[in-house]
Amino acid sequence: MEPTVIDEELCRRCISVRRTAAQQTGEPQDAQKAKDAAASTPFPEVNCLIFSFKNILKIDNLIGFERLVKLQLDNNIIEKIENLGHLSSLEWLDLSFNNISEISGLENLTSLTNLSLFSNRITHIGGMDALTKLQLLSLGNNLVRNLDSIMYLRPFAQLQAVNFVGNPFCQESEYRAYVLAHLKHVKYLDYRLVDEATVQNARELFQVRVRVSVSVRVGRRRP
């Protein structure tokens, strides 16, 4: 089966039109009316595109969607994050269930709050320096082996929910305590609410280890 190319026709079919408050509380929206609304919406006014399960290999041809707030590209065959730099209004990006091996191409997405890269082939946590507003990050079911790699996320002050379940480093006995000790703003880890007592115990555990490690190093330097 040949990969699907993102073109104008596909974009038209994948536009999701937000319903008004009146529509949300009233009768279900007629399917044909929804399609007609999508077909007549100018691209610069579109705020949501859903390309789920379209067999897309390459992210391309999204020029004109500068006001896009939500973009779903889940369950495709995408190998590289690219051609998204002009979507500076994007807040929600779903790239789960693809073939991505590296986190890149996100430098201009400074409004992004939710990012899902669940079930890809990622081996390293990085490439997100510009995402200072990030609140939710899903990196579960990837190939990250080094537990220390989560230290990259320490500066993300607004990060409240993270998912790492399914990565090799999750098999380490102290995985959960390590994450909670170092990502101090996280309130949900792997879909579970974090309680304050668990966080405190984790921080105390690793603070003791740091003090012991420093004492050992200082002791070795003495003549």
Protein backbone atom coordinates (compact mmCIF):
# COMPACT_ATOMS: atom_id res chain seq x y z
CA MET A 1 0.00 0.00 0.00
CA GLU A 2 1.43 3.34 -1.09
CA PRO A 3 1.88 6.01 1.63
CA THR A 4 -0.73 8.76 1.68
CA VAL A 5 0.39 12.27 0.71
CA ILE A 6 -0.99 15.20 2.67
CA ASP A 7 -2.66 17.35 0.02
CA GLU A 8 -5.51 19.85 -0.10
CA GLU A 9 -8.17 17.18 -0.55
CA LEU A 10 -6.95 15.18 2.45
CA CYS A 11 -6.74 18.34 4.56
CA ARG A 12 -10.34 19.16 3.70
CA ARG A 13 -11.44 15.70 4.80
CA CYS A 14 -9.47 15.94 8.05
CA ILE A 15 -10.64 19.36 9.24
CA SER A 16 -12.41 19.16 12.57
CA VAL A 17 -14.75 22.08 13.16
CA ARG A 18 -15.30 23.06 16.78
CA ARG A 19 -18.92 23.10 17.78
CA THR A 20 -20.40 26.15 19.47
CA ALA A 21 -21.62 26.03 23.05
CA ALA A 22 -25.22 25.91 21.80
CA GLN A 23 -24.44 22.95 19.55
CA GLN A 24 -22.68 21.13 22.38
CA THR A 25 -25.74 21.34 24.63
CA GLY A 26 -28.31 20.75 21.90
CA GLU A 27 -29.01 18.02 19.38
CA PRO A 28 -26.13 16.00 17.83
CA GLN A 29 -24.63 17.78 14.87
CA ASP A 30 -25.68 16.39 11.49
CA ALA A 31 -22.77 14.58 9.82
CA GLN A 32 -23.37 16.18 6.44
CA LYS A 33 -23.57 19.65 7.96
CA ALA A 34 -20.25 19.01 9.69
CA LYS A 35 -18.66 17.97 6.39
CA ASP A 36 -20.08 21.03 4.63
CA ALA A 37 -18.75 23.30 7.37
CA ALA A 38 -15.30 21.73 7.06
CA ALA A 39 -15.31 22.04 3.29
CA SER A 40 -16.14 25.73 3.42
CA THR A 41 -13.75 26.73 6.22
CA PRO A 42 -10.76 28.76 4.94
CA PHE A 43 -7.47 27.12 5.94
CA PRO A 44 -6.28 30.17 7.93
CA GLU A 45 -9.34 29.76 10.20
CA VAL A 46 -8.89 26.03 10.88
CA ASN A 47 -7.92 25.21 14.45
CA CYS A 48 -7.96 21.39 14.40
CA LEU A 49 -6.75 18.75 11.92
CA ILE A 50 -7.14 15.01 12.54
CA PHE A 51 -4.99 12.77 10.30
CA SER A 52 -5.32 9.58 12.37
CA PHE A 53 -4.91 6.22 10.56
CA LYS A 54 -4.15 7.73 7.13
CA ASN A 55 -0.93 5.82 6.31
CA ILE A 56 1.03 9.09 6.17
CA LEU A 57 4.80 8.78 5.81
CA LYS A 58 5.83 12.44 5.63
CA ILE A 59 4.51 15.56 7.36
CA ASP A 60 4.16 18.13 4.60
CA ASN A 61 1.90 20.62 2.84
CA LEU A 62 0.42 22.24 5.94
CA ILE A 63 1.11 25.79 4.77
CA GLY A 64 -1.87 28.04 5.45
CA PHE A 65 -2.79 26.50 8.79
CA GLU A 66 -0.94 29.05 10.91
CA ARG A 67 -3.81 29.28 13.44
CA LEU A 68 -3.88 25.54 14.00
CA VAL A 69 -4.19 24.70 17.71
CA LYS A 70 -4.58 20.91 17.60
CA LEU A 71 -2.90 18.45 15.22
CA GLN A 72 -3.41 14.69 15.34
CA LEU A 73 -1.02 12.57 13.29
CA ASP A 74 -1.30 9.41 15.35
CA ASN A 75 -1.31 5.86 13.94
CA ASN A 76 0.60 6.55 10.75
CA ILE A 77 4.08 5.56 9.47
CA ILE A 78 5.86 8.89 10.05
CA GLU A 79 9.62 8.58 10.55
CA LYS A 80 10.63 12.21 11.09
CA ILE A 81 9.12 15.28 12.77
CA GLU A 82 9.40 18.00 10.13
CA ASN A 83 7.68 20.92 8.38
CA LEU A 84 5.85 22.12 11.49
CA GLY A 85 7.88 25.26 12.17
CA HIS A 86 5.21 27.65 10.89
CA LEU A 87 2.54 26.28 13.25
CA SER A 88 3.50 28.59 16.09
CA SER A 89 -0.05 28.58 17.56
CA LEU A 90 -0.06 24.80 18.00
CA GLU A 91 -0.87 23.71 21.57
CA TRP A 92 -1.67 20.03 21.15
CA LEU A 93 0.38 17.61 19.01
CA ASP A 94 -0.23 13.86 18.80
CA LEU A 95 2.43 11.79 17.00
CA SER A 96 1.78 8.55 18.85
CA PHE A 97 2.03 5.17 17.11
CA ASN A 98 4.48 6.13 14.38
CA ASN A 99 8.10 5.21 13.51
CA ILE A 100 9.87 8.29 14.89
CA SER A 101 13.38 7.67 16.26
CA GLU A 102 14.44 11.22 17.22
CA ILE A 103 12.70 14.18 18.85
CA SER A 104 13.43 17.13 16.56
CA GLY A 105 11.74 19.81 14.47
CA LEU A 106 9.88 21.36 17.41
CA GLU A 107 11.98 24.49 17.84
CA ASN A 108 9.25 26.97 16.83
CA LEU A 109 6.33 25.32 18.63
CA THR A 110 6.68 27.50 21.71
CA SER A 111 2.93 27.42 22.49
CA LEU A 112 2.83 23.63 22.78
CA THR A 113 1.33 22.36 26.06
CA ASN A 114 0.52 18.72 25.18
CA LEU A 115 2.86 16.42 23.27
CA SER A 116 2.35 12.70 22.68
CA LEU A 117 5.12 10.58 21.18
CA PHE A 118 3.77 7.37 22.66
CA SER A 119 4.80 4.13 20.93
CA ASN A 120 7.59 5.22 18.61
CA ARG A 121 11.28 4.28 18.36
CA ILE A 122 12.81 7.09 20.41
CA THR A 123 16.04 6.25 22.27
CA HIS A 124 16.94 9.66 23.73
CA ILE A 125 14.97 12.39 25.52
CA GLY A 126 15.86 15.79 24.07
CA GLY A 127 15.01 18.24 21.30
CA MET A 128 12.37 20.07 23.33
CA ASP A 129 14.29 23.05 24.74
CA ALA A 130 11.85 25.59 23.28
CA LEU A 131 8.74 23.93 24.74
CA THR A 132 8.72 25.95 27.95
CA LYS A 133 4.90 25.78 28.25
CA LEU A 134 4.77 21.99 28.08
CA GLN A 135 2.34 20.54 30.63
CA LEU A 136 1.83 16.96 29.42
CA LEU A 137 4.42 14.70 27.81
CA SER A 138 3.79 11.10 26.77
CA LEU A 139 6.90 9.11 25.83
CA GLY A 140 5.64 5.66 26.80
CA ASN A 141 6.44 2.56 24.75
CA ASN A 142 9.69 3.86 23.31
CA LEU A 143 13.29 2.62 23.54
CA VAL A 144 14.87 4.91 26.16
CA ARG A 145 17.29 2.87 28.28
CA ASN A 146 19.14 5.46 30.37
CA LEU A 147 17.16 6.52 33.45
CA ASP A 148 19.38 9.59 33.84
CA SER A 149 17.91 10.91 30.58
CA ILE A 150 14.85 12.17 32.46
CA MET A 151 17.12 14.83 34.02
CA TYR A 152 16.70 16.71 30.74
CA LEU A 153 13.14 17.52 31.83
CA ARG A 154 14.05 19.17 35.14
CA PRO A 155 13.89 22.78 33.79
CA PHE A 156 10.31 22.31 32.51
CA ALA A 157 8.53 24.20 35.28
CA GLN A 158 4.99 23.69 33.93
CA LEU A 159 5.30 19.97 33.26
CA GLN A 160 2.61 18.29 35.38
CA ALA A 161 1.99 14.91 33.72
CA VAL A 162 4.50 12.50 32.18
CA ASN A 163 4.20 8.98 30.85
CA PHE A 164 7.27 6.77 30.40
CA VAL A 165 5.71 3.34 30.90
CA GLY A 166 7.01 0.72 28.46
CA ASN A 167 10.55 2.11 28.13
CA PRO A 168 13.45 -0.16 29.14
CA PHE A 169 14.50 2.16 31.99
CA CYS A 170 11.13 1.58 33.67
CA GLN A 171 12.37 -1.90 34.61
CA GLU A 172 14.83 -0.41 37.09
CA SER A 173 13.73 -0.95 40.69
CA GLU A 174 14.00 2.71 41.66
CA TYR A 175 12.51 4.13 38.47
CA ARG A 176 9.42 5.73 40.00
CA ALA A 177 11.26 7.19 42.99
CA TYR A 178 13.99 8.57 40.73
CA VAL A 179 11.49 10.37 38.49
CA LEU A 180 9.52 11.84 41.40
CA ALA A 181 12.69 12.97 43.16
CA HIS A 182 13.94 14.93 40.16
CA LEU A 183 10.82 16.16 38.34
CA LYS A 184 9.41 18.19 41.21
CA HIS A 185 6.42 19.68 39.36
CA VAL A 186 4.98 16.36 38.16
CA LYS A 187 1.54 15.49 39.59
CA TYR A 188 0.77 12.50 37.35
CA LEU A 189 3.28 9.78 36.49
CA ASP A 190 2.30 6.98 34.12
CA TYR A 191 -1.41 7.84 34.43
CA ARG A 192 -1.32 7.71 38.23
CA LEU A 193 -1.84 10.62 40.58
CA VAL A 194 1.28 11.28 42.66
CA ASP A 195 0.75 11.65 46.42
CA GLU A 196 2.89 14.08 48.40
CA ALA A 197 4.17 11.47 50.86
CA THR A 198 5.62 9.36 48.04
CA VAL A 199 7.29 12.41 46.52
CA GLN A 200 8.82 13.41 49.86
CA ASN A 201 10.17 9.91 50.49
CA ALA A 202 11.70 9.82 47.02
CA ARG A 203 13.42 13.18 47.48
CA GLU A 204 14.77 12.24 50.88
CA LEU A 205 16.14 8.97 49.50
CA PHE A 206 18.09 10.64 46.73
CA GLN A 207 19.21 13.58 48.88
CA VAL A 208 20.83 11.09 51.24
CA ARG A 209 22.54 9.39 48.31
CA VAL A 210 23.89 12.70 47.04
CA ARG A 211 25.32 13.54 50.48
CA VAL A 212 26.93 10.10 50.76
CA SER A 213 28.39 10.38 47.27
CA VAL A 214 29.87 13.81 48.03
CA SER A 215 31.35 12.56 51.32
CA VAL A 216 33.01 9.63 49.56
CA ARG A 217 34.54 11.88 46.90
CA VAL A 218 35.83 14.32 49.51
CA GLY A 219 37.28 11.47 51.55
CA ARG A 220 39.17 10.14 48.55
CA ARG A 221 40.83 13.51 47.97
CA ARG A 222 42.30 13.70 51.47
CA PRO A 223 46.01 12.77 51.72
